[in-house]
């Protein structure tokens, strides 16, 4: 199933704008994936800055075109920095993504994110199926990987969360689900190999934050899912994880508009409220 002409055109326009603008993207992520995230931002045309010291983070965030915040490997210092950066974004109308990695696996993360959302609501809340389901309420999991939750269920809770926060929800999984509570996109591109490489979820958040610097949140989320999925499919080989990661980064920096048009697999539906 392919995407419509309008969304394909929008994705290609976004990618071109990004290369022209070369925006500064501030990412507060984690030591597990910081290198991959920075290189992902560079690959699509952004300029990453990965500053996370609590005493400088507000000042750095003020200079950014967009921001990505990720709780995958939290420490006291990183929690303080993420809060300061989110407050800066809210005060200065800087668009930002919050990746709630691991939200479902500990009460510390759940309490922290719940309090953070009372201070500053991100333009996009990103998580895997388990994390988004847990944010909706009453669900926990072991570890940070997504568990077996049906697409219909995740679409229901994602739409409800989007309406609650009046923001975009990106639920990543075998089918990526993106919604603002009125429109819903299903992106089918991807490969199981992406789940066999640590940090790919964080990379998608970094891509989402980068695209957010030049477009509306829902299109930033859709574009990140489509590009991540297409590049993953193109990178897949029989050689294994190491070759896949090299091929993926190569494709992320070279994927063409024609490849997007040819390989995109997604659909858009309207939500009945």
C-alpha atoms as a PDB file:
ATOM      1  CA  UNK A   1       0.000   0.000   0.000  1.00  0.00           C
ATOM      2  CA  UNK A   2       1.563   3.286  -1.084  1.00  0.00           C
ATOM      3  CA  UNK A   3       1.231   6.814   0.246  1.00  0.00           C
ATOM      4  CA  UNK A   4      -0.828   9.498  -1.442  1.00  0.00           C
ATOM      5  CA  UNK A   5       0.702  11.997  -3.827  1.00  0.00           C
ATOM      6  CA  UNK A   6       0.217  14.820  -1.311  1.00  0.00           C
ATOM      7  CA  UNK A   7       2.101  13.132   1.522  1.00  0.00           C
ATOM      8  CA  UNK A   8       4.927  11.986  -0.776  1.00  0.00           C
ATOM      9  CA  UNK A   9       5.307  15.547  -2.046  1.00  0.00           C
ATOM     10  CA  UNK A  10       5.237  16.878   1.525  1.00  0.00           C
ATOM     11  CA  UNK A  11       7.984  14.478   2.619  1.00  0.00           C
ATOM     12  CA  UNK A  12      10.243  15.465  -0.270  1.00  0.00           C
ATOM     13  CA  UNK A  13       9.637  19.187   0.360  1.00  0.00           C
ATOM     14  CA  UNK A  14      10.505  18.709   4.037  1.00  0.00           C
ATOM     15  CA  UNK A  15      13.753  16.947   3.156  1.00  0.00           C
ATOM     16  CA  UNK A  16      14.720  19.711   0.732  1.00  0.00           C
ATOM     17  CA  UNK A  17      13.913  22.460   3.263  1.00  0.00           C
ATOM     18  CA  UNK A  18      16.053  20.699   5.827  1.00  0.00           C
ATOM     19  CA  UNK A  19      19.081  20.603   3.556  1.00  0.00           C
ATOM     20  CA  UNK A  20      18.622  24.288   2.714  1.00  0.00           C
ATOM     21  CA  UNK A  21      18.162  25.431   6.317  1.00  0.00           C
ATOM     22  CA  UNK A  22      20.785  23.162   7.945  1.00  0.00           C
ATOM     23  CA  UNK A  23      19.195  23.779  11.374  1.00  0.00           C
ATOM     24  CA  UNK A  24      20.811  23.360  14.772  1.00  0.00           C
ATOM     25  CA  UNK A  25      19.134  20.441  16.546  1.00  0.00           C
ATOM     26  CA  UNK A  26      19.712  20.022  20.276  1.00  0.00           C
ATOM     27  CA  UNK A  27      19.525  16.394  21.415  1.00  0.00           C
ATOM     28  CA  UNK A  28      19.666  15.262  25.024  1.00  0.00           C
ATOM     29  CA  UNK A  29      19.811  11.520  24.694  1.00  0.00           C
ATOM     30  CA  UNK A  30      22.011   8.847  26.279  1.00  0.00           C
ATOM     31  CA  UNK A  31      25.545   7.430  26.015  1.00  0.00           C
ATOM     32  CA  UNK A  32      24.203   4.247  24.414  1.00  0.00           C
ATOM     33  CA  UNK A  33      23.000   5.994  21.261  1.00  0.00           C
ATOM     34  CA  UNK A  34      24.462   9.501  21.302  1.00  0.00           C
ATOM     35  CA  UNK A  35      26.839   8.831  18.398  1.00  0.00           C
ATOM     36  CA  UNK A  36      24.143   7.242  16.223  1.00  0.00           C
ATOM     37  CA  UNK A  37      21.722  10.071  16.964  1.00  0.00           C
ATOM     38  CA  UNK A  38      24.248  12.773  16.071  1.00  0.00           C
ATOM     39  CA  UNK A  39      25.138  11.011  12.829  1.00  0.00           C
ATOM     40  CA  UNK A  40      21.458  10.534  11.952  1.00  0.00           C
ATOM     41  CA  UNK A  41      20.862  14.279  12.332  1.00  0.00           C
ATOM     42  CA  UNK A  42      23.862  15.003  10.110  1.00  0.00           C
ATOM     43  CA  UNK A  43      22.786  12.443   7.514  1.00  0.00           C
ATOM     44  CA  UNK A  44      19.479  14.185   6.787  1.00  0.00           C
ATOM     45  CA  UNK A  45      20.819  17.738   6.816  1.00  0.00           C
ATOM     46  CA  UNK A  46      20.757  18.974  10.396  1.00  0.00           C
ATOM     47  CA  UNK A  47      23.525  20.162  12.722  1.00  0.00           C
ATOM     48  CA  UNK A  48      23.494  18.231  16.008  1.00  0.00           C
ATOM     49  CA  UNK A  49      24.544  19.530  19.389  1.00  0.00           C
ATOM     50  CA  UNK A  50      24.420  17.004  22.206  1.00  0.00           C
ATOM     51  CA  UNK A  51      25.004  19.233  25.253  1.00  0.00           C
ATOM     52  CA  UNK A  52      23.495  17.941  28.487  1.00  0.00           C
ATOM     53  CA  UNK A  53      25.245  19.649  31.416  1.00  0.00           C
ATOM     54  CA  UNK A  54      22.566  21.188  33.673  1.00  0.00           C
ATOM     55  CA  UNK A  55      24.462  24.475  33.952  1.00  0.00           C
ATOM     56  CA  UNK A  56      24.563  25.117  30.193  1.00  0.00           C
ATOM     57  CA  UNK A  57      21.601  23.259  28.764  1.00  0.00           C
ATOM     58  CA  UNK A  58      19.080  26.134  28.938  1.00  0.00           C
ATOM     59  CA  UNK A  59      21.466  28.438  27.102  1.00  0.00           C
ATOM     60  CA  UNK A  60      22.159  25.818  24.430  1.00  0.00           C
ATOM     61  CA  UNK A  61      18.478  25.045  23.926  1.00  0.00           C
ATOM     62  CA  UNK A  62      17.749  28.743  23.344  1.00  0.00           C
ATOM     63  CA  UNK A  63      19.926  28.641  20.212  1.00  0.00           C
ATOM     64  CA  UNK A  64      18.323  25.544  18.678  1.00  0.00           C
ATOM     65  CA  UNK A  65      15.766  25.346  15.875  1.00  0.00           C
ATOM     66  CA  UNK A  66      14.313  22.202  17.430  1.00  0.00           C
ATOM     67  CA  UNK A  67      15.001  19.806  20.290  1.00  0.00           C
ATOM     68  CA  UNK A  68      14.834  16.070  20.985  1.00  0.00           C
ATOM     69  CA  UNK A  69      14.709  14.842  24.583  1.00  0.00           C
ATOM     70  CA  UNK A  70      15.118  11.159  25.430  1.00  0.00           C
ATOM     71  CA  UNK A  71      14.822   9.380  28.802  1.00  0.00           C
ATOM     72  CA  UNK A  72      16.349   6.038  27.741  1.00  0.00           C
ATOM     73  CA  UNK A  73      19.272   6.123  30.200  1.00  0.00           C
ATOM     74  CA  UNK A  74      18.393   8.636  32.870  1.00  0.00           C
ATOM     75  CA  UNK A  75      20.605   9.998  35.618  1.00  0.00           C
ATOM     76  CA  UNK A  76      19.948  12.753  38.137  1.00  0.00           C
ATOM     77  CA  UNK A  77      21.911  15.213  35.993  1.00  0.00           C
ATOM     78  CA  UNK A  78      20.201  14.201  32.763  1.00  0.00           C
ATOM     79  CA  UNK A  79      16.766  14.414  34.374  1.00  0.00           C
ATOM     80  CA  UNK A  80      17.554  17.951  35.526  1.00  0.00           C
ATOM     81  CA  UNK A  81      18.839  18.904  32.083  1.00  0.00           C
ATOM     82  CA  UNK A  82      15.818  17.512  30.244  1.00  0.00           C
ATOM     83  CA  UNK A  83      13.503  19.467  32.527  1.00  0.00           C
ATOM     84  CA  UNK A  84      15.437  22.707  31.965  1.00  0.00           C
ATOM     85  CA  UNK A  85      15.493  22.187  28.215  1.00  0.00           C
ATOM     86  CA  UNK A  86      11.754  21.473  28.115  1.00  0.00           C
ATOM     87  CA  UNK A  87      11.060  24.618  30.125  1.00  0.00           C
ATOM     88  CA  UNK A  88      13.196  26.625  27.701  1.00  0.00           C
ATOM     89  CA  UNK A  89      11.315  25.183  24.729  1.00  0.00           C
ATOM     90  CA  UNK A  90       7.973  26.064  26.291  1.00  0.00           C
ATOM     91  CA  UNK A  91       9.058  29.615  27.116  1.00  0.00           C
ATOM     92  CA  UNK A  92      10.620  30.310  23.707  1.00  0.00           C
ATOM     93  CA  UNK A  93       8.228  28.358  21.451  1.00  0.00           C
ATOM     94  CA  UNK A  94      10.959  25.988  20.315  1.00  0.00           C
ATOM     95  CA  UNK A  95       9.431  22.779  18.925  1.00  0.00           C
ATOM     96  CA  UNK A  96      10.529  19.606  20.671  1.00  0.00           C
ATOM     97  CA  UNK A  97      10.094  15.860  20.754  1.00  0.00           C
ATOM     98  CA  UNK A  98       9.977  13.808  23.939  1.00  0.00           C
ATOM     99  CA  UNK A  99      10.986  10.165  23.514  1.00  0.00           C
ATOM    100  CA  UNK A 100       9.571   8.324  26.531  1.00  0.00           C
ATOM    101  CA  UNK A 101      11.961   5.374  26.172  1.00  0.00           C
ATOM    102  CA  UNK A 102      11.530   2.911  29.029  1.00  0.00           C
ATOM    103  CA  UNK A 103       8.474   4.703  30.433  1.00  0.00           C
ATOM    104  CA  UNK A 104       6.714   1.377  30.981  1.00  0.00           C
ATOM    105  CA  UNK A 105       9.548  -0.301  32.885  1.00  0.00           C
ATOM    106  CA  UNK A 106       9.967   1.788  36.065  1.00  0.00           C
ATOM    107  CA  UNK A 107       7.971   3.998  38.414  1.00  0.00           C
ATOM    108  CA  UNK A 108      10.854   6.502  38.404  1.00  0.00           C
ATOM    109  CA  UNK A 109      10.464   7.126  34.683  1.00  0.00           C
ATOM    110  CA  UNK A 110       6.684   7.203  34.829  1.00  0.00           C
ATOM    111  CA  UNK A 111       6.638   9.723  37.653  1.00  0.00           C
ATOM    112  CA  UNK A 112       9.289  11.871  36.007  1.00  0.00           C
ATOM    113  CA  UNK A 113       7.540  12.027  32.630  1.00  0.00           C
ATOM    114  CA  UNK A 114       4.135  12.613  34.211  1.00  0.00           C
ATOM    115  CA  UNK A 115       5.540  15.590  36.135  1.00  0.00           C
ATOM    116  CA  UNK A 116       7.387  16.862  33.052  1.00  0.00           C
ATOM    117  CA  UNK A 117       4.193  16.858  30.985  1.00  0.00           C
ATOM    118  CA  UNK A 118       2.611  19.173  33.556  1.00  0.00           C
ATOM    119  CA  UNK A 119       5.390  21.701  32.949  1.00  0.00           C
ATOM    120  CA  UNK A 120       5.869  21.527  29.178  1.00  0.00           C
ATOM    121  CA  UNK A 121       4.002  19.395  26.657  1.00  0.00           C
ATOM    122  CA  UNK A 122       6.163  18.442  23.653  1.00  0.00           C
ATOM    123  CA  UNK A 123       4.958  18.896  20.099  1.00  0.00           C
ATOM    124  CA  UNK A 124       5.505  15.166  19.586  1.00  0.00           C
ATOM    125  CA  UNK A 125       5.456  12.395  22.171  1.00  0.00           C
ATOM    126  CA  UNK A 126       7.294   9.344  20.831  1.00  0.00           C
ATOM    127  CA  UNK A 127       7.445   5.838  22.215  1.00  0.00           C
ATOM    128  CA  UNK A 128       7.086   2.205  21.288  1.00  0.00           C
ATOM    129  CA  UNK A 129       3.776   0.420  21.722  1.00  0.00           C
ATOM    130  CA  UNK A 130       4.475  -0.534  25.359  1.00  0.00           C
ATOM    131  CA  UNK A 131       5.508   2.989  26.297  1.00  0.00           C
ATOM    132  CA  UNK A 132       2.543   4.679  24.635  1.00  0.00           C
ATOM    133  CA  UNK A 133       0.133   2.145  26.151  1.00  0.00           C
ATOM    134  CA  UNK A 134       1.668   2.741  29.583  1.00  0.00           C
ATOM    135  CA  UNK A 135       1.378   6.519  29.206  1.00  0.00           C
ATOM    136  CA  UNK A 136      -2.317   5.996  28.544  1.00  0.00           C
ATOM    137  CA  UNK A 137      -2.490   4.206  31.890  1.00  0.00           C
ATOM    138  CA  UNK A 138      -2.399   0.940  33.785  1.00  0.00           C
ATOM    139  CA  UNK A 139       0.290  -0.892  31.844  1.00  0.00           C
ATOM    140  CA  UNK A 140       3.864  -1.856  32.736  1.00  0.00           C
ATOM    141  CA  UNK A 141       6.511  -3.962  31.020  1.00  0.00           C
ATOM    142  CA  UNK A 142       9.914  -5.529  31.589  1.00  0.00           C
ATOM    143  CA  UNK A 143      12.758  -3.695  29.835  1.00  0.00           C
ATOM    144  CA  UNK A 144      12.540  -1.055  27.120  1.00  0.00           C
ATOM    145  CA  UNK A 145      11.525  -3.186  24.141  1.00  0.00           C
ATOM    146  CA  UNK A 146       8.006  -3.064  22.735  1.00  0.00           C
ATOM    147  CA  UNK A 147       5.732  -5.938  23.704  1.00  0.00           C
ATOM    148  CA  UNK A 148       2.877  -7.607  21.845  1.00  0.00           C
ATOM    149  CA  UNK A 149       0.116  -5.007  21.763  1.00  0.00           C
ATOM    150  CA  UNK A 150      -2.277  -4.953  18.822  1.00  0.00           C
ATOM    151  CA  UNK A 151      -2.271  -2.160  16.264  1.00  0.00           C
ATOM    152  CA  UNK A 152      -5.974  -1.451  16.806  1.00  0.00           C
ATOM    153  CA  UNK A 153      -5.365  -0.994  20.531  1.00  0.00           C
ATOM    154  CA  UNK A 154      -2.377   1.293  20.013  1.00  0.00           C
ATOM    155  CA  UNK A 155      -4.329   3.381  17.513  1.00  0.00           C
ATOM    156  CA  UNK A 156      -7.113   3.819  20.052  1.00  0.00           C
ATOM    157  CA  UNK A 157      -4.862   4.899  22.912  1.00  0.00           C
ATOM    158  CA  UNK A 158      -2.638   7.054  20.680  1.00  0.00           C
ATOM    159  CA  UNK A 159      -5.653   8.995  19.415  1.00  0.00           C
ATOM    160  CA  UNK A 160      -6.912   9.432  22.975  1.00  0.00           C
ATOM    161  CA  UNK A 161      -3.519  10.722  24.140  1.00  0.00           C
ATOM    162  CA  UNK A 162      -3.273  13.070  21.160  1.00  0.00           C
ATOM    163  CA  UNK A 163      -6.630  14.564  22.057  1.00  0.00           C
ATOM    164  CA  UNK A 164      -5.714  14.769  25.748  1.00  0.00           C
ATOM    165  CA  UNK A 165      -2.467  16.643  25.182  1.00  0.00           C
ATOM    166  CA  UNK A 166      -3.511  18.309  21.910  1.00  0.00           C
ATOM    167  CA  UNK A 167      -0.221  17.153  20.406  1.00  0.00           C
ATOM    168  CA  UNK A 168       1.081  14.471  18.042  1.00  0.00           C
ATOM    169  CA  UNK A 169       1.702  10.908  19.189  1.00  0.00           C
ATOM    170  CA  UNK A 170       4.197   8.645  17.406  1.00  0.00           C
ATOM    171  CA  UNK A 171       3.947   4.979  18.398  1.00  0.00           C
ATOM    172  CA  UNK A 172       6.723   2.936  16.822  1.00  0.00           C
ATOM    173  CA  UNK A 173       6.381  -0.762  16.101  1.00  0.00           C
ATOM    174  CA  UNK A 174       5.937  -3.198  13.240  1.00  0.00           C
ATOM    175  CA  UNK A 175       3.455  -0.608  11.966  1.00  0.00           C
ATOM    176  CA  UNK A 176       4.298   2.942  13.031  1.00  0.00           C
ATOM    177  CA  UNK A 177       1.195   4.841  14.129  1.00  0.00           C
ATOM    178  CA  UNK A 178       1.119   8.651  14.011  1.00  0.00           C
ATOM    179  CA  UNK A 179      -1.876  10.744  15.019  1.00  0.00           C
ATOM    180  CA  UNK A 180      -2.952  14.192  16.145  1.00  0.00           C
ATOM    181  CA  UNK A 181      -6.309  12.878  17.321  1.00  0.00           C
ATOM    182  CA  UNK A 182      -8.079  13.765  14.077  1.00  0.00           C
ATOM    183  CA  UNK A 183      -5.900  12.194  11.408  1.00  0.00           C
ATOM    184  CA  UNK A 184      -4.043   8.918  11.718  1.00  0.00           C
ATOM    185  CA  UNK A 185      -1.200   7.574   9.596  1.00  0.00           C
ATOM    186  CA  UNK A 186      -0.048   3.970   9.426  1.00  0.00           C
ATOM    187  CA  UNK A 187       3.494   3.529   8.123  1.00  0.00           C
ATOM    188  CA  UNK A 188       4.296  -0.031   7.092  1.00  0.00           C
ATOM    189  CA  UNK A 189       7.908   0.467   6.014  1.00  0.00           C
ATOM    190  CA  UNK A 190      10.580  -1.195   8.126  1.00  0.00           C
ATOM    191  CA  UNK A 191      12.479  -4.378   8.868  1.00  0.00           C
ATOM    192  CA  UNK A 192      12.974  -6.571  11.966  1.00  0.00           C
ATOM    193  CA  UNK A 193      16.692  -5.785  11.664  1.00  0.00           C
ATOM    194  CA  UNK A 194      16.026  -2.334  13.120  1.00  0.00           C
ATOM    195  CA  UNK A 195      15.074  -3.950  16.433  1.00  0.00           C
ATOM    196  CA  UNK A 196      18.319  -5.954  16.474  1.00  0.00           C
ATOM    197  CA  UNK A 197      20.497  -2.827  16.614  1.00  0.00           C
ATOM    198  CA  UNK A 198      20.620  -0.843  19.839  1.00  0.00           C
ATOM    199  CA  UNK A 199      19.703   2.820  19.544  1.00  0.00           C
ATOM    200  CA  UNK A 200      17.554   2.750  16.415  1.00  0.00           C
ATOM    201  CA  UNK A 201      14.514   3.938  18.351  1.00  0.00           C
ATOM    202  CA  UNK A 202      16.563   6.845  19.666  1.00  0.00           C
ATOM    203  CA  UNK A 203      17.724   7.572  16.125  1.00  0.00           C
ATOM    204  CA  UNK A 204      14.126   7.785  14.959  1.00  0.00           C
ATOM    205  CA  UNK A 205      13.462  10.307  17.712  1.00  0.00           C
ATOM    206  CA  UNK A 206      16.477  12.326  16.568  1.00  0.00           C
ATOM    207  CA  UNK A 207      15.216  12.268  12.978  1.00  0.00           C
ATOM    208  CA  UNK A 208      11.786  13.320  14.169  1.00  0.00           C
ATOM    209  CA  UNK A 209      13.277  16.240  16.073  1.00  0.00           C
ATOM    210  CA  UNK A 210      15.331  17.253  13.052  1.00  0.00           C
ATOM    211  CA  UNK A 211      12.392  17.256  10.637  1.00  0.00           C
ATOM    212  CA  UNK A 212      10.387  19.176  13.245  1.00  0.00           C
ATOM    213  CA  UNK A 213      12.641  22.192  12.673  1.00  0.00           C
ATOM    214  CA  UNK A 214      11.093  22.788   9.232  1.00  0.00           C
ATOM    215  CA  UNK A 215       7.524  21.464   9.299  1.00  0.00           C
ATOM    216  CA  UNK A 216       4.360  20.723  11.244  1.00  0.00           C
ATOM    217  CA  UNK A 217       4.674  18.068  13.968  1.00  0.00           C
ATOM    218  CA  UNK A 218       2.487  15.460  12.295  1.00  0.00           C
ATOM    219  CA  UNK A 219       4.524  15.624   9.081  1.00  0.00           C
ATOM    220  CA  UNK A 220       7.794  15.491  11.033  1.00  0.00           C
ATOM    221  CA  UNK A 221       6.639  12.295  12.724  1.00  0.00           C
ATOM    222  CA  UNK A 222       5.414  10.730   9.478  1.00  0.00           C
ATOM    223  CA  UNK A 223       8.608  11.654   7.633  1.00  0.00           C
ATOM    224  CA  UNK A 224      10.806  10.156  10.347  1.00  0.00           C
ATOM    225  CA  UNK A 225       8.856   6.889  10.228  1.00  0.00           C
ATOM    226  CA  UNK A 226       8.917   6.673   6.435  1.00  0.00           C
ATOM    227  CA  UNK A 227      12.609   7.518   6.052  1.00  0.00           C
ATOM    228  CA  UNK A 228      13.626   5.221   8.909  1.00  0.00           C
ATOM    229  CA  UNK A 229      11.631   2.364   7.436  1.00  0.00           C
ATOM    230  CA  UNK A 230      12.734   2.770   3.829  1.00  0.00           C
ATOM    231  CA  UNK A 231      16.394   3.093   4.778  1.00  0.00           C
ATOM    232  CA  UNK A 232      16.110   0.035   7.006  1.00  0.00           C
ATOM    233  CA  UNK A 233      14.613  -2.014   4.196  1.00  0.00           C
ATOM    234  CA  UNK A 234      17.308  -0.883   1.772  1.00  0.00           C
ATOM    235  CA  UNK A 235      20.095  -1.670   4.251  1.00  0.00           C
ATOM    236  CA  UNK A 236      19.028  -5.241   4.955  1.00  0.00           C
ATOM    237  CA  UNK A 237      21.555  -7.887   3.876  1.00  0.00           C
ATOM    238  CA  UNK A 238      22.428 -11.448   4.823  1.00  0.00           C
ATOM    239  CA  UNK A 239      25.716 -10.420   6.450  1.00  0.00           C
ATOM    240  CA  UNK A 240      24.445  -9.434   9.890  1.00  0.00           C
ATOM    241  CA  UNK A 241      24.110  -6.539  12.313  1.00  0.00           C
ATOM    242  CA  UNK A 242      27.377  -4.736  11.621  1.00  0.00           C
ATOM    243  CA  UNK A 243      26.904  -4.544   7.881  1.00  0.00           C
ATOM    244  CA  UNK A 244      23.286  -3.551   8.360  1.00  0.00           C
ATOM    245  CA  UNK A 245      24.226  -0.545  10.490  1.00  0.00           C
ATOM    246  CA  UNK A 246      26.829   0.671   8.002  1.00  0.00           C
ATOM    247  CA  UNK A 247      24.410   0.219   5.105  1.00  0.00           C
ATOM    248  CA  UNK A 248      21.653   1.963   7.042  1.00  0.00           C
ATOM    249  CA  UNK A 249      23.754   5.058   7.719  1.00  0.00           C
ATOM    250  CA  UNK A 250      24.865   5.141   4.087  1.00  0.00           C
ATOM    251  CA  UNK A 251      21.272   4.987   2.866  1.00  0.00           C
ATOM    252  CA  UNK A 252      20.107   7.592   5.391  1.00  0.00           C
ATOM    253  CA  UNK A 253      22.469  10.101   3.790  1.00  0.00           C
ATOM    254  CA  UNK A 254      21.794   9.117   0.162  1.00  0.00           C
ATOM    255  CA  UNK A 255      18.122   8.095  -0.122  1.00  0.00           C
ATOM    256  CA  UNK A 256      16.518   9.916  -3.058  1.00  0.00           C
ATOM    257  CA  UNK A 257      13.083  11.401  -3.638  1.00  0.00           C
ATOM    258  CA  UNK A 258      12.524   8.740  -6.277  1.00  0.00           C
ATOM    259  CA  UNK A 259      13.228   5.962  -3.786  1.00  0.00           C
ATOM    260  CA  UNK A 260      10.783   7.496  -1.316  1.00  0.00           C
ATOM    261  CA  UNK A 261       8.084   7.654  -3.982  1.00  0.00           C
ATOM    262  CA  UNK A 262       8.763   4.080  -5.100  1.00  0.00           C
ATOM    263  CA  UNK A 263       9.092   2.385  -1.714  1.00  0.00           C
ATOM    264  CA  UNK A 264       6.747   4.253   0.632  1.00  0.00           C
ATOM    265  CA  UNK A 265       4.063   2.027   2.160  1.00  0.00           C
ATOM    266  CA  UNK A 266       1.533   3.869   4.285  1.00  0.00           C
ATOM    267  CA  UNK A 267      -2.066   4.947   4.568  1.00  0.00           C
ATOM    268  CA  UNK A 268      -3.993   7.811   6.150  1.00  0.00           C
ATOM    269  CA  UNK A 269      -7.375   7.514   7.807  1.00  0.00           C
ATOM    270  CA  UNK A 270      -9.736   9.965   9.462  1.00  0.00           C
ATOM    271  CA  UNK A 271     -10.705   9.303  13.053  1.00  0.00           C
ATOM    272  CA  UNK A 272     -14.307   9.376  14.154  1.00  0.00           C
ATOM    273  CA  UNK A 273     -14.557  11.192  17.477  1.00  0.00           C
END
